[in-house]
């Protein structure tokens, strides 16, 4: 019984325990399921929330983009309007500036006109005052004359006659001075013309181009060479330009250095005659020609010295004189010019009882500096004097050479003779040439300088610029003033212009009275 009870009690307890355990198990499952459901709901809510946020973000960005586009469109429109407005403002500002400039110009013109009117009014007032003073003076004279005694009237007449005689005396003195001056000029012209007549040196005009004749046109291709190598070698070796064009049977050698041009011409003639034209042969011929040319310079210098009778010159001076044959000044050959100056100086020195040999030596060497003035800084007179000192020339010759352009003080008459002879040789007709443009410019400058003086009506440059005739207004310039005007024009031309020789200035004053008999 007890066992049964115990079994029953145990079964009951077991059942209670199972029931509790099952209840607890199901309860836990429910809680777990509820938690899982809750987590799923939360997760779904988060996803939905994120989707809503993403959508809202996209909507916001799209709205922001639309707003930005609209803003940029409005901004661009406003910017265009501002640009147009700015352009209009700039245009208005420019128009205003132009108007201001125009107004200022007008004001300036009006001020100038006002000043001119004031000046004319002042001049008129001065003239009126002078006229009134003259009228009063004449009235006083008339009063005095009317009350004069016969003796006083005679004394007044004698005083007036004395004044007129003084004027006639001044006129006679001026005429005598002009006569003496004319006679002196005639004598000087006679001496100078004799000097020029006895000088018969040749004058040649050098150019910047030398023409080399060819036996035929086929040799032009050999001169050029394959791919132009021969002509390039020739130009590099000689320092000139070789011009090969359509000219039949001739080529041109172009260069500003006459010595290089002459060496190139001689070298090309030798190459054409030899027939072998290639780079090595070209260099050989050019070197050989340069050596021969130095000897030629010595021969030219010796020949020139012999022509004018100059001896005992240093070999280096003779070589420099030979270089002058290939130097020109205004188209005049420098060596021939030196020979002519030497001869003219010798003749003038003889007329003046000076040492003719010393004068000829100074004249022959006066332009020796031109042989190297393109290599050394300084004027050719200074360079020439330095060269002559180096080779022990006479001090008087050195001074004449250095002073023949009045750069230093002349210590003897030989410097003055060098200056005069140089001017005679340079300014005589045919000695020098100048371009048409320079010639016209010089004539215009002559007339402009003369027209700048008050009272000048017209001026005319004649005799190729050797003379200028100035016509004055007779009401503004008196007879006594024309000599002073000619002197002033001479001073201005000497200060402002550079010209060879002399310029004659003739001032003409003419008064005409015209009437008609009926």
Protein backbone atom coordinates (compact mmCIF):
# COMPACT_ATOMS: atom_id res chain seq x y z
CA UNK A 1 0.00 0.00 0.00
CA UNK A 2 2.69 2.28 0.96
CA UNK A 3 4.62 1.41 -2.13
CA UNK A 4 1.63 2.08 -4.29
CA UNK A 5 1.16 5.36 -2.58
CA UNK A 6 4.73 6.15 -3.02
CA UNK A 7 4.53 5.26 -6.74
CA UNK A 8 1.45 7.30 -7.14
CA UNK A 9 3.00 10.18 -5.30
CA UNK A 10 6.19 9.85 -7.37
CA UNK A 11 4.16 9.69 -10.59
CA UNK A 12 2.26 12.75 -9.51
CA UNK A 13 5.40 14.62 -8.71
CA UNK A 14 6.88 13.50 -12.00
CA UNK A 15 3.79 14.64 -13.80
CA UNK A 16 3.91 17.98 -12.02
CA UNK A 17 7.57 18.36 -12.92
CA UNK A 18 6.93 17.41 -16.56
CA UNK A 19 4.02 19.75 -16.70
CA UNK A 20 6.11 22.54 -15.28
CA UNK A 21 8.95 21.74 -17.55
CA UNK A 22 6.74 21.60 -20.63
CA UNK A 23 5.04 24.81 -19.64
CA UNK A 24 8.35 26.48 -19.12
CA UNK A 25 9.64 25.06 -22.44
CA UNK A 26 6.64 26.33 -24.35
CA UNK A 27 6.82 29.62 -22.55
CA UNK A 28 10.47 29.99 -23.55
CA UNK A 29 9.64 29.08 -27.14
CA UNK A 30 6.91 31.70 -27.17
CA UNK A 31 9.32 34.30 -25.75
CA UNK A 32 11.98 33.29 -28.28
CA UNK A 33 9.49 33.48 -31.15
CA UNK A 34 8.15 36.77 -29.85
CA UNK A 35 11.73 38.12 -29.65
CA UNK A 36 12.48 36.88 -33.18
CA UNK A 37 9.27 38.46 -34.42
CA UNK A 38 10.16 41.65 -32.63
CA UNK A 39 13.67 41.64 -34.11
CA UNK A 40 12.25 41.00 -37.57
CA UNK A 41 9.75 43.83 -37.12
CA UNK A 42 12.59 46.13 -35.97
CA UNK A 43 14.77 45.05 -38.90
CA UNK A 44 11.94 45.60 -41.36
CA UNK A 45 11.26 48.96 -39.76
CA UNK A 46 14.93 49.92 -40.08
CA UNK A 47 14.98 48.89 -43.74
CA UNK A 48 11.80 50.82 -44.39
CA UNK A 49 13.21 53.80 -42.49
CA UNK A 50 16.47 53.64 -44.46
CA UNK A 51 14.53 53.41 -47.70
CA UNK A 52 12.40 56.37 -46.65
CA UNK A 53 15.55 58.32 -45.71
CA UNK A 54 17.27 57.35 -48.99
CA UNK A 55 14.21 58.38 -50.95
CA UNK A 56 13.98 61.60 -49.02
CA UNK A 57 17.70 62.20 -49.64
CA UNK A 58 17.26 61.59 -53.36
CA UNK A 59 14.25 63.84 -53.44
CA UNK A 60 16.20 66.51 -51.57
CA UNK A 61 19.19 66.21 -53.96
CA UNK A 62 16.92 66.37 -56.97
CA UNK A 63 15.19 69.41 -55.52
CA UNK A 64 18.58 70.96 -54.70
CA UNK A 65 19.81 70.29 -58.29
CA UNK A 66 16.68 71.84 -59.73
CA UNK A 67 17.09 74.84 -57.44
CA UNK A 68 20.79 75.14 -58.40
CA UNK A 69 20.00 74.95 -62.13
CA UNK A 70 17.32 77.57 -61.74
CA UNK A 71 19.70 79.72 -59.71
CA UNK A 72 22.49 79.39 -62.29
CA UNK A 73 20.09 80.28 -65.09
CA UNK A 74 18.96 83.33 -63.19
CA UNK A 75 22.57 84.16 -62.30
CA UNK A 76 23.69 83.82 -65.95
CA UNK A 77 20.84 86.02 -67.06
CA UNK A 78 21.74 88.60 -64.43
CA UNK A 79 25.42 88.34 -65.40
CA UNK A 80 24.59 88.97 -69.07
CA UNK A 81 22.52 91.93 -68.07
CA UNK A 82 25.40 93.25 -65.94
CA UNK A 83 27.89 92.74 -68.81
CA UNK A 84 25.61 94.59 -71.20
CA UNK A 85 25.16 97.33 -68.63
CA UNK A 86 28.96 97.51 -68.10
CA UNK A 87 29.54 97.77 -71.87
CA UNK A 88 27.01 100.57 -72.11
CA UNK A 89 28.70 102.33 -69.19
CA UNK A 90 32.16 101.93 -70.78
CA UNK A 91 30.81 103.26 -74.10
CA UNK A 92 29.28 106.22 -72.30
CA UNK A 93 32.53 106.83 -70.46
CA UNK A 94 34.49 106.77 -73.74
CA UNK A 95 32.02 109.16 -75.31
CA UNK A 96 32.33 111.44 -72.31
CA UNK A 97 36.16 111.33 -72.53
CA UNK A 98 36.00 112.17 -76.24
CA UNK A 99 33.68 115.05 -75.50
CA UNK A 100 35.99 116.23 -72.73
CA UNK A 101 39.01 116.06 -75.07
CA UNK A 102 37.08 117.95 -77.72
CA UNK A 103 36.00 120.57 -75.17
CA UNK A 104 39.60 120.89 -73.87
CA UNK A 105 40.90 121.28 -77.42
CA UNK A 106 38.30 123.93 -78.12
CA UNK A 107 39.13 125.70 -74.86
CA UNK A 108 42.84 125.57 -75.74
CA UNK A 109 42.11 126.94 -79.20
CA UNK A 110 39.94 129.68 -77.74
CA UNK A 111 42.64 130.57 -75.20
CA UNK A 112 45.20 130.73 -78.00
CA UNK A 113 42.92 132.94 -80.07
CA UNK A 114 42.33 135.10 -77.04
CA UNK A 115 46.11 135.39 -76.45
CA UNK A 116 46.63 136.26 -80.12
CA UNK A 117 43.91 138.90 -79.93
CA UNK A 118 45.47 140.34 -76.76
CA UNK A 119 48.90 140.33 -78.39
CA UNK A 120 47.57 142.03 -81.51
CA UNK A 121 45.74 144.54 -79.35
CA UNK A 122 48.96 145.25 -77.43
CA UNK A 123 50.91 145.58 -80.70
CA UNK A 124 48.24 147.92 -82.05
CA UNK A 125 48.36 149.96 -78.87
CA UNK A 126 52.16 150.19 -79.06
CA UNK A 127 51.97 151.22 -82.71
CA UNK A 128 49.35 153.85 -81.86
CA UNK A 129 51.55 155.17 -79.08
CA UNK A 130 54.58 155.27 -81.42
CA UNK A 131 52.47 156.97 -84.10
CA UNK A 132 51.15 159.52 -81.62
CA UNK A 133 54.70 160.16 -80.41
CA UNK A 134 55.89 160.68 -83.98
CA UNK A 135 52.97 163.03 -84.67
CA UNK A 136 53.78 165.04 -81.54
CA UNK A 137 57.47 165.09 -82.52
CA UNK A 138 56.63 166.38 -85.99
CA UNK A 139 54.33 169.00 -84.47
CA UNK A 140 57.15 170.15 -82.20
CA UNK A 141 59.52 170.26 -85.19
CA UNK A 142 57.02 172.33 -87.15
CA UNK A 143 56.64 174.71 -84.19
CA UNK A 144 60.42 175.08 -83.91
CA UNK A 145 60.87 175.57 -87.66
CA UNK A 146 58.17 178.24 -87.77
CA UNK A 147 59.93 180.22 -85.05
CA UNK A 148 63.53 179.74 -86.31
CA UNK A 149 65.78 182.57 -87.44
CA UNK A 150 67.55 182.27 -90.85
CA UNK A 151 70.79 181.30 -89.07
CA UNK A 152 69.08 178.61 -87.02
CA UNK A 153 67.32 177.23 -90.12
CA UNK A 154 70.69 177.12 -91.94
CA UNK A 155 72.26 175.24 -89.03
CA UNK A 156 69.37 172.74 -89.00
CA UNK A 157 69.78 172.14 -92.75
CA UNK A 158 73.54 171.66 -92.35
CA UNK A 159 72.93 169.11 -89.59
CA UNK A 160 70.56 167.17 -91.83
CA UNK A 161 73.06 167.30 -94.71
CA UNK A 162 75.76 166.04 -92.35
CA UNK A 163 73.59 163.05 -91.40
CA UNK A 164 72.93 162.30 -95.08
CA UNK A 165 76.66 162.59 -95.87
CA UNK A 166 77.45 160.22 -92.98
CA UNK A 167 75.04 157.68 -94.47
CA UNK A 168 76.61 158.15 -97.93
CA UNK A 169 80.06 157.73 -96.37
CA UNK A 170 78.99 154.45 -94.73
CA UNK A 171 77.62 153.31 -98.07
CA UNK A 172 80.89 154.16 -99.82
CA UNK A 173 82.91 152.33 -97.14
CA UNK A 174 80.70 149.28 -97.54
CA UNK A 175 81.09 149.41 -101.32
CA UNK A 176 84.87 149.68 -100.98
CA UNK A 177 84.94 146.77 -98.55
CA UNK A 178 82.90 144.70 -100.98
CA UNK A 179 85.24 145.64 -103.83
CA UNK A 180 88.30 144.62 -101.80
CA UNK A 181 86.58 141.42 -100.77
CA UNK A 182 85.67 140.73 -104.40
CA UNK A 183 89.24 141.29 -105.51
CA UNK A 184 90.55 138.99 -102.75
CA UNK A 185 88.05 136.32 -103.72
CA UNK A 186 89.07 136.61 -107.38
CA UNK A 187 92.74 136.21 -106.42
CA UNK A 188 91.96 133.23 -104.18
CA UNK A 189 89.87 131.64 -106.94
CA UNK A 190 92.72 132.13 -109.37
CA UNK A 191 95.23 130.43 -107.06
CA UNK A 192 92.85 127.57 -106.25
CA UNK A 193 91.84 127.08 -109.86
CA UNK A 194 95.50 126.85 -110.85
CA UNK A 195 96.04 124.27 -108.10
CA UNK A 196 93.07 122.21 -109.25
CA UNK A 197 94.04 122.57 -112.90
CA UNK A 198 97.53 121.21 -112.19
CA UNK A 199 96.03 118.28 -110.25
CA UNK A 200 95.07 115.54 -112.71
CA UNK A 201 94.54 112.42 -110.56
CA UNK A 202 91.88 109.93 -111.53
CA UNK A 203 88.68 109.54 -109.49
CA UNK A 204 86.80 106.25 -109.53
CA UNK A 205 83.52 105.39 -107.85
CA UNK A 206 83.52 102.09 -105.95
CA UNK A 207 80.32 100.15 -105.45
CA UNK A 208 79.37 97.25 -103.23
CA UNK A 209 79.17 94.76 -106.12
CA UNK A 210 81.88 93.38 -108.42
CA UNK A 211 81.01 91.46 -111.60
CA UNK A 212 83.10 88.44 -112.65
CA UNK A 213 82.76 87.41 -116.33
CA UNK A 214 82.42 83.69 -117.14
CA UNK A 215 83.38 81.83 -120.33
CA UNK A 216 79.93 80.19 -120.42
CA UNK A 217 76.84 79.60 -118.27
CA UNK A 218 77.67 75.93 -117.65
CA UNK A 219 80.37 76.87 -115.17
CA UNK A 220 77.73 78.40 -112.85
CA UNK A 221 76.66 74.89 -111.84
CA UNK A 222 80.26 73.96 -111.02
CA UNK A 223 80.62 77.13 -108.94
CA UNK A 224 77.50 76.17 -106.95
CA UNK A 225 78.64 72.56 -106.55
CA UNK A 226 76.75 69.52 -105.33
CA UNK A 227 74.05 70.65 -102.89
CA UNK A 228 75.69 74.11 -102.88
CA UNK A 229 78.88 73.03 -101.06
CA UNK A 230 81.25 74.97 -103.36
CA UNK A 231 79.42 78.30 -103.07
CA UNK A 232 79.10 77.87 -99.29
CA UNK A 233 82.82 77.17 -98.94
CA UNK A 234 83.66 80.19 -101.13
CA UNK A 235 81.41 82.56 -99.14
CA UNK A 236 82.78 81.33 -95.79
CA UNK A 237 86.41 81.62 -96.95
CA UNK A 238 86.02 85.12 -98.44
CA UNK A 239 83.31 86.67 -96.22
CA UNK A 240 81.23 87.94 -99.15
CA UNK A 241 78.00 86.96 -100.90
CA UNK A 242 78.18 85.29 -104.29
CA UNK A 243 75.14 86.15 -106.42
CA UNK A 244 74.37 83.74 -109.25
CA UNK A 245 71.31 84.83 -111.21
CA UNK A 246 70.01 84.91 -114.78
CA UNK A 247 72.69 87.37 -115.96
CA UNK A 248 74.33 85.65 -118.95
CA UNK A 249 77.98 84.62 -118.54
CA UNK A 250 78.52 86.60 -115.31
CA UNK A 251 78.23 86.29 -111.54
CA UNK A 252 78.28 89.07 -108.93
CA UNK A 253 80.40 89.34 -105.78
CA UNK A 254 78.61 91.44 -103.14
CA UNK A 255 80.10 92.82 -99.91
CA UNK A 256 80.58 96.10 -98.06
CA UNK A 257 84.28 95.46 -97.36
CA UNK A 258 86.03 96.39 -100.66
CA UNK A 259 89.21 94.46 -99.77
CA UNK A 260 87.31 91.24 -99.11
CA UNK A 261 85.30 91.83 -102.28
CA UNK A 262 88.45 92.31 -104.36
CA UNK A 263 90.09 89.18 -102.89
CA UNK A 264 86.90 87.23 -103.66
CA UNK A 265 86.81 88.57 -107.23
CA UNK A 266 90.43 87.66 -107.92
CA UNK A 267 89.99 84.22 -106.32
CA UNK A 268 86.91 83.47 -108.40
CA UNK A 269 88.66 84.54 -111.61
CA UNK A 270 91.53 82.15 -110.79
CA UNK A 271 89.13 79.28 -110.03
CA UNK A 272 87.23 79.82 -113.28
CA UNK A 273 90.46 79.95 -115.25
CA UNK A 274 91.83 76.85 -113.49
CA UNK A 275 88.61 74.86 -113.91
CA UNK A 276 89.10 72.78 -110.75
CA UNK A 277 86.39 73.95 -108.39
CA UNK A 278 85.93 72.03 -105.14
CA UNK A 279 86.10 73.03 -101.43
CA UNK A 280 89.79 72.18 -100.89
CA UNK A 281 90.86 74.01 -104.05
CA UNK A 282 88.70 77.02 -103.15
CA UNK A 283 90.36 77.38 -99.73
CA UNK A 284 93.81 76.99 -101.30
CA UNK A 285 93.18 79.64 -103.96
CA UNK A 286 91.65 82.11 -101.46
CA UNK A 287 94.64 81.77 -99.08
CA UNK A 288 97.07 82.24 -101.96
CA UNK A 289 95.16 85.30 -103.21
CA UNK A 290 95.23 86.88 -99.74
CA UNK A 291 99.02 86.54 -99.63
CA UNK A 292 99.36 88.02 -103.12
CA UNK A 293 96.95 90.81 -102.22
CA UNK A 294 99.22 92.02 -99.40
CA UNK A 295 101.97 92.46 -101.98
CA UNK A 296 99.50 94.28 -104.25
CA UNK A 297 98.65 96.69 -101.42
CA UNK A 298 102.36 97.50 -101.03
CA UNK A 299 102.66 98.10 -104.78
CA UNK A 300 99.60 100.38 -104.81
CA UNK A 301 100.96 102.39 -101.88
CA UNK A 302 104.42 102.71 -103.46
CA UNK A 303 102.91 103.74 -106.81
CA UNK A 304 100.75 106.42 -105.17
CA UNK A 305 103.71 107.75 -103.15
CA UNK A 306 105.83 107.88 -106.32
CA UNK A 307 103.05 109.76 -108.20
CA UNK A 308 103.04 112.60 -105.65
CA UNK A 309 106.79 112.51 -104.95
CA UNK A 310 106.72 111.28 -101.34
CA UNK A 311 109.72 109.20 -100.19
CA UNK A 312 111.08 107.51 -97.05
CA UNK A 313 107.73 106.19 -95.83
CA UNK A 314 107.57 103.29 -93.39
CA UNK A 315 106.49 99.99 -95.07
CA UNK A 316 103.46 99.73 -92.80
CA UNK A 317 102.35 103.24 -93.83
CA UNK A 318 102.75 102.26 -97.48
CA UNK A 319 100.58 99.18 -96.90
CA UNK A 320 97.89 101.28 -95.19
CA UNK A 321 97.97 103.74 -98.10
CA UNK A 322 97.46 100.80 -100.46
CA UNK A 323 94.34 99.86 -98.48
CA UNK A 324 92.93 103.33 -99.11
CA UNK A 325 92.50 102.38 -102.78
CA UNK A 326 89.69 100.09 -101.63
CA UNK A 327 88.10 102.66 -99.30
CA UNK A 328 85.55 105.24 -100.44
CA UNK A 329 83.88 108.26 -98.85
CA UNK A 330 80.67 109.56 -100.48
CA UNK A 331 81.69 107.70 -103.63
CA UNK A 332 85.18 109.34 -103.71
CA UNK A 333 88.15 106.96 -103.74
CA UNK A 334 90.20 107.60 -100.58
CA UNK A 335 93.63 107.02 -102.14
CA UNK A 336 92.94 109.25 -105.15
CA UNK A 337 91.51 111.86 -102.76
CA UNK A 338 94.73 111.72 -100.69
CA UNK A 339 96.85 112.17 -103.83
CA UNK A 340 94.76 115.15 -104.89
CA UNK A 341 94.96 116.77 -101.43
CA UNK A 342 98.75 116.28 -101.44
CA UNK A 343 99.12 117.98 -104.82
CA UNK A 344 96.78 120.88 -103.90
CA UNK A 345 98.57 121.38 -100.56
CA UNK A 346 101.94 121.43 -102.30
CA UNK A 347 100.80 124.08 -104.78
CA UNK A 348 99.21 126.26 -102.08
CA UNK A 349 102.32 125.95 -99.88
CA UNK A 350 104.48 127.10 -102.80
CA UNK A 351 102.24 130.15 -103.31
CA UNK A 352 102.52 130.97 -99.58
CA UNK A 353 106.34 130.40 -99.43
CA UNK A 354 105.99 127.35 -97.17
CA UNK A 355 107.73 123.95 -97.37
CA UNK A 356 105.95 122.25 -100.30
CA UNK A 357 107.43 118.80 -99.56
CA UNK A 358 106.21 118.90 -95.96
CA UNK A 359 102.78 120.10 -97.10
CA UNK A 360 102.49 117.32 -99.71
CA UNK A 361 103.49 114.73 -97.08
CA UNK A 362 100.82 115.98 -94.67
CA UNK A 363 98.19 116.04 -97.43
CA UNK A 364 99.11 112.55 -98.63
CA UNK A 365 98.85 111.09 -95.11
CA UNK A 366 95.87 113.15 -93.83
CA UNK A 367 93.29 110.33 -94.29
CA UNK A 368 95.49 107.32 -93.49
CA UNK A 369 93.34 106.61 -90.44
CA UNK A 370 90.47 105.64 -92.77
CA UNK A 371 92.36 102.45 -93.67
CA UNK A 372 91.58 101.00 -90.23
CA UNK A 373 88.90 103.29 -88.73
CA UNK A 374 86.41 100.41 -88.98
CA UNK A 375 88.65 98.34 -86.68
CA UNK A 376 89.61 100.94 -84.04
CA UNK A 377 87.41 103.32 -82.07
CA UNK A 378 87.89 107.04 -82.67
CA UNK A 379 87.83 109.49 -85.56
CA UNK A 380 90.02 108.84 -88.59
CA UNK A 381 92.05 112.00 -87.85
CA UNK A 382 92.92 110.79 -84.32
CA UNK A 383 93.63 107.24 -85.52
CA UNK A 384 95.85 108.57 -88.34
CA UNK A 385 97.81 110.79 -85.94
CA UNK A 386 98.40 107.84 -83.56
CA UNK A 387 99.66 105.69 -86.46
CA UNK A 388 102.05 108.43 -87.62
CA UNK A 389 103.42 108.87 -84.08
CA UNK A 390 104.02 105.12 -83.88
CA UNK A 391 106.16 105.22 -87.02
CA UNK A 392 108.10 108.39 -86.16
CA UNK A 393 106.61 110.97 -88.53
CA UNK A 394 107.30 114.71 -88.34
CA UNK A 395 105.41 116.52 -85.54
CA UNK A 396 104.06 119.18 -87.92
CA UNK A 397 102.71 116.48 -90.23
CA UNK A 398 101.08 114.72 -87.27
CA UNK A 399 99.45 117.95 -86.08
CA UNK A 400 98.18 118.76 -89.60
CA UNK A 401 96.65 115.27 -89.88
CA UNK A 402 95.04 115.42 -86.43
CA UNK A 403 93.74 118.99 -86.89
CA UNK A 404 92.46 118.85 -90.47
CA UNK A 405 88.88 118.52 -89.14
CA UNK A 406 89.48 121.10 -86.36
CA UNK A 407 89.28 118.44 -83.65
CA UNK A 408 92.39 119.91 -81.97
CA UNK A 409 94.21 123.23 -82.16
CA UNK A 410 96.34 123.84 -85.27
CA UNK A 411 99.99 124.51 -84.43
CA UNK A 412 101.01 125.62 -87.93
CA UNK A 413 99.62 126.75 -91.27
CA UNK A 414 99.94 123.20 -92.58
CA UNK A 415 96.87 122.18 -90.57
CA UNK A 416 94.87 124.99 -92.16
CA UNK A 417 96.18 124.03 -95.62
CA UNK A 418 95.13 120.41 -94.98
CA UNK A 419 91.63 121.56 -93.99
CA UNK A 420 91.31 123.82 -97.07
CA UNK A 421 92.75 121.27 -99.51
CA UNK A 422 90.54 118.51 -98.12
CA UNK A 423 87.47 120.73 -98.58
CA UNK A 424 88.51 121.67 -102.14
CA UNK A 425 89.02 118.05 -103.15
CA UNK A 426 85.75 116.95 -101.54
CA UNK A 427 83.52 119.80 -102.69
CA UNK A 428 84.64 120.29 -106.29
CA UNK A 429 82.01 119.28 -108.89
CA UNK A 430 82.09 115.57 -109.68
CA UNK A 431 84.28 114.55 -106.75
CA UNK A 432 81.53 113.12 -104.59
CA UNK A 433 78.10 111.74 -105.14
CA UNK A 434 75.08 111.53 -102.88
CA UNK A 435 71.74 109.76 -103.17
CA UNK A 436 68.73 111.59 -104.55
CA UNK A 437 66.95 111.25 -101.20
CA UNK A 438 69.87 112.85 -99.29
CA UNK A 439 70.18 115.59 -101.95
CA UNK A 440 66.48 116.53 -101.73
CA UNK A 441 66.57 116.40 -97.94
CA UNK A 442 69.56 118.77 -97.86
CA UNK A 443 67.84 121.27 -100.19
CA UNK A 444 64.65 121.17 -98.10
CA UNK A 445 66.64 121.70 -94.91
CA UNK A 446 68.36 124.70 -96.51
CA UNK A 447 65.04 126.33 -97.43
CA UNK A 448 63.43 125.46 -94.07
CA UNK A 449 66.31 127.05 -92.13
CA UNK A 450 66.08 130.24 -94.18
CA UNK A 451 62.27 130.42 -93.92
CA UNK A 452 62.44 130.21 -90.12
CA UNK A 453 63.57 133.85 -89.85
CA UNK A 454 61.00 136.59 -89.38
CA UNK A 455 60.41 138.73 -92.45
CA UNK A 456 61.45 136.03 -94.95
CA UNK A 457 58.86 135.62 -97.71
CA UNK A 458 60.39 132.81 -99.80
CA UNK A 459 63.72 131.06 -100.21
CA UNK A 460 65.12 128.99 -103.07
CA UNK A 461 68.07 126.57 -102.93
CA UNK A 462 69.90 126.65 -106.29
CA UNK A 463 73.19 125.49 -107.81
CA UNK A 464 72.74 121.98 -106.31
CA UNK A 465 72.59 123.46 -102.81
CA UNK A 466 75.70 125.64 -103.24
CA UNK A 467 73.63 128.84 -103.08
CA UNK A 468 70.39 129.92 -101.43
CA UNK A 469 68.44 133.02 -102.44
CA UNK A 470 66.24 134.55 -99.76
CA UNK A 471 63.46 136.98 -100.68
CA UNK A 472 62.32 139.17 -97.78
CA UNK A 473 59.17 141.21 -97.22
CA UNK A 474 60.16 144.88 -97.75
CA UNK A 475 57.69 146.14 -95.15
CA UNK A 476 59.24 143.99 -92.40
CA UNK A 477 62.95 144.06 -93.33
CA UNK A 478 64.84 147.29 -94.10
CA UNK A 479 67.83 147.68 -96.39
CA UNK A 480 70.18 148.07 -93.41
CA UNK A 481 68.93 144.78 -91.90
CA UNK A 482 69.48 142.43 -94.87
CA UNK A 483 73.23 142.14 -94.16
CA UNK A 484 72.48 141.14 -90.57
CA UNK A 485 69.86 138.64 -91.79
CA UNK A 486 72.36 137.05 -94.21
CA UNK A 487 74.85 136.74 -91.35
CA UNK A 488 72.24 135.13 -89.06
CA UNK A 489 71.25 132.63 -91.77
CA UNK A 490 74.92 131.77 -92.28
CA UNK A 491 75.38 131.11 -88.56
CA UNK A 492 72.30 128.87 -88.41
CA UNK A 493 73.39 126.81 -91.44
CA UNK A 494 76.87 126.35 -89.94
CA UNK A 495 75.38 125.15 -86.65
CA UNK A 496 72.59 122.89 -87.95
CA UNK A 497 73.86 121.42 -91.23
CA UNK A 498 76.77 119.33 -92.47
CA UNK A 499 77.82 120.07 -96.06
CA UNK A 500 80.96 120.09 -98.20
CA UNK A 501 82.43 123.41 -99.34
CA UNK A 502 80.61 126.73 -99.00
CA UNK A 503 77.02 127.88 -99.40
CA UNK A 504 76.43 131.34 -100.85
CA UNK A 505 73.58 133.27 -99.16
CA UNK A 506 71.92 136.03 -101.21
CA UNK A 507 69.24 138.15 -99.52
CA UNK A 508 66.97 140.09 -101.91
CA UNK A 509 64.75 143.02 -100.87
CA UNK A 510 62.61 144.58 -103.56
CA UNK A 511 59.91 147.25 -103.34
CA UNK A 512 57.64 147.83 -106.33
CA UNK A 513 55.24 150.69 -106.96
CA UNK A 514 52.70 150.16 -109.75
CA UNK A 515 50.23 152.70 -111.13
CA UNK A 516 48.30 153.10 -114.39
CA UNK A 517 47.99 156.26 -116.53
CA UNK A 518 44.55 156.69 -118.06
